[in-house]
């Protein structure tokens, strides 16, 4: 999707987790309902998202540190 030459739009209504969120992150525009829930659950079990989700997410929203 990130190589698509046209404009891609993701509309999130409900859950976007794992591959669904990675597809949305690869789009040019993302529109989400207020109740939408997004996550990369594979990181919770020690796996890495395979479609660039961690890179795309930090590129879009920046890095977030944890407070001690």
Protein backbone atom coordinates (compact mmCIF):
# COMPACT_ATOMS: atom_id res chain seq x y z
CA UNK A 1 0.00 0.00 0.00
CA UNK A 2 2.82 2.41 0.75
CA UNK A 3 4.01 2.09 -2.87
CA UNK A 4 0.56 2.88 -4.32
CA UNK A 5 0.79 5.97 -6.53
CA UNK A 6 -2.76 7.21 -5.91
CA UNK A 7 -4.24 8.61 -2.72
CA UNK A 8 -5.17 5.93 -0.20
CA UNK A 9 -7.63 6.55 2.64
CA UNK A 10 -8.27 4.31 5.65
CA UNK A 11 -11.53 4.64 7.56
CA UNK A 12 -11.44 2.95 10.98
CA UNK A 13 -14.75 2.14 12.63
CA UNK A 14 -14.23 -0.36 15.45
CA UNK A 15 -11.05 -2.39 15.82
CA UNK A 16 -7.85 -2.02 13.78
CA UNK A 17 -5.30 -4.37 15.26
CA UNK A 18 -2.21 -6.05 13.90
CA UNK A 19 -2.30 -6.20 10.12
CA UNK A 20 -5.38 -3.97 9.92
CA UNK A 21 -3.61 -1.15 11.72
CA UNK A 22 -0.48 -1.66 9.63
CA UNK A 23 -2.58 -1.28 6.46
CA UNK A 24 -4.12 1.91 7.85
CA UNK A 25 -0.67 3.29 8.77
CA UNK A 26 0.50 2.74 5.19
CA UNK A 27 -2.35 4.93 3.83
CA UNK A 28 -2.00 8.62 3.07
CA UNK A 29 -5.05 9.63 5.15
CA UNK A 30 -6.57 7.93 8.18
CA UNK A 31 -10.01 8.75 9.57
CA UNK A 32 -11.08 7.05 12.80
CA UNK A 33 -14.32 7.11 14.76
CA UNK A 34 -14.06 8.28 18.36
CA UNK A 35 -14.69 4.73 19.63
CA UNK A 36 -12.09 3.09 17.33
CA UNK A 37 -9.50 0.94 19.05
CA UNK A 38 -6.08 0.49 17.49
CA UNK A 39 -3.20 -1.69 18.65
CA UNK A 40 -0.22 -3.73 17.61
CA UNK A 41 -0.90 -6.70 19.93
CA UNK A 42 1.98 -8.80 18.60
CA UNK A 43 4.42 -6.59 20.53
CA UNK A 44 2.81 -7.77 23.78
CA UNK A 45 4.01 -11.33 23.17
CA UNK A 46 7.51 -10.40 22.00
CA UNK A 47 6.88 -10.39 18.23
CA UNK A 48 7.51 -7.57 15.78
CA UNK A 49 4.86 -6.33 13.35
CA UNK A 50 5.98 -7.60 9.95
CA UNK A 51 4.70 -4.82 7.67
CA UNK A 52 6.61 -1.87 9.14
CA UNK A 53 4.03 -1.00 11.80
CA UNK A 54 6.56 0.08 14.42
CA UNK A 55 8.41 2.32 11.96
CA UNK A 56 5.26 3.85 10.45
CA UNK A 57 3.66 4.45 13.85
CA UNK A 58 6.64 6.33 15.31
CA UNK A 59 7.07 8.29 12.06
CA UNK A 60 3.44 9.46 12.28
CA UNK A 61 3.01 10.18 16.00
CA UNK A 62 6.58 10.37 17.31
CA UNK A 63 8.24 8.44 20.07
CA UNK A 64 6.60 8.29 23.48
CA UNK A 65 8.71 7.68 26.57
CA UNK A 66 7.54 5.96 29.72
CA UNK A 67 7.70 7.76 33.02
CA UNK A 68 9.46 5.99 35.89
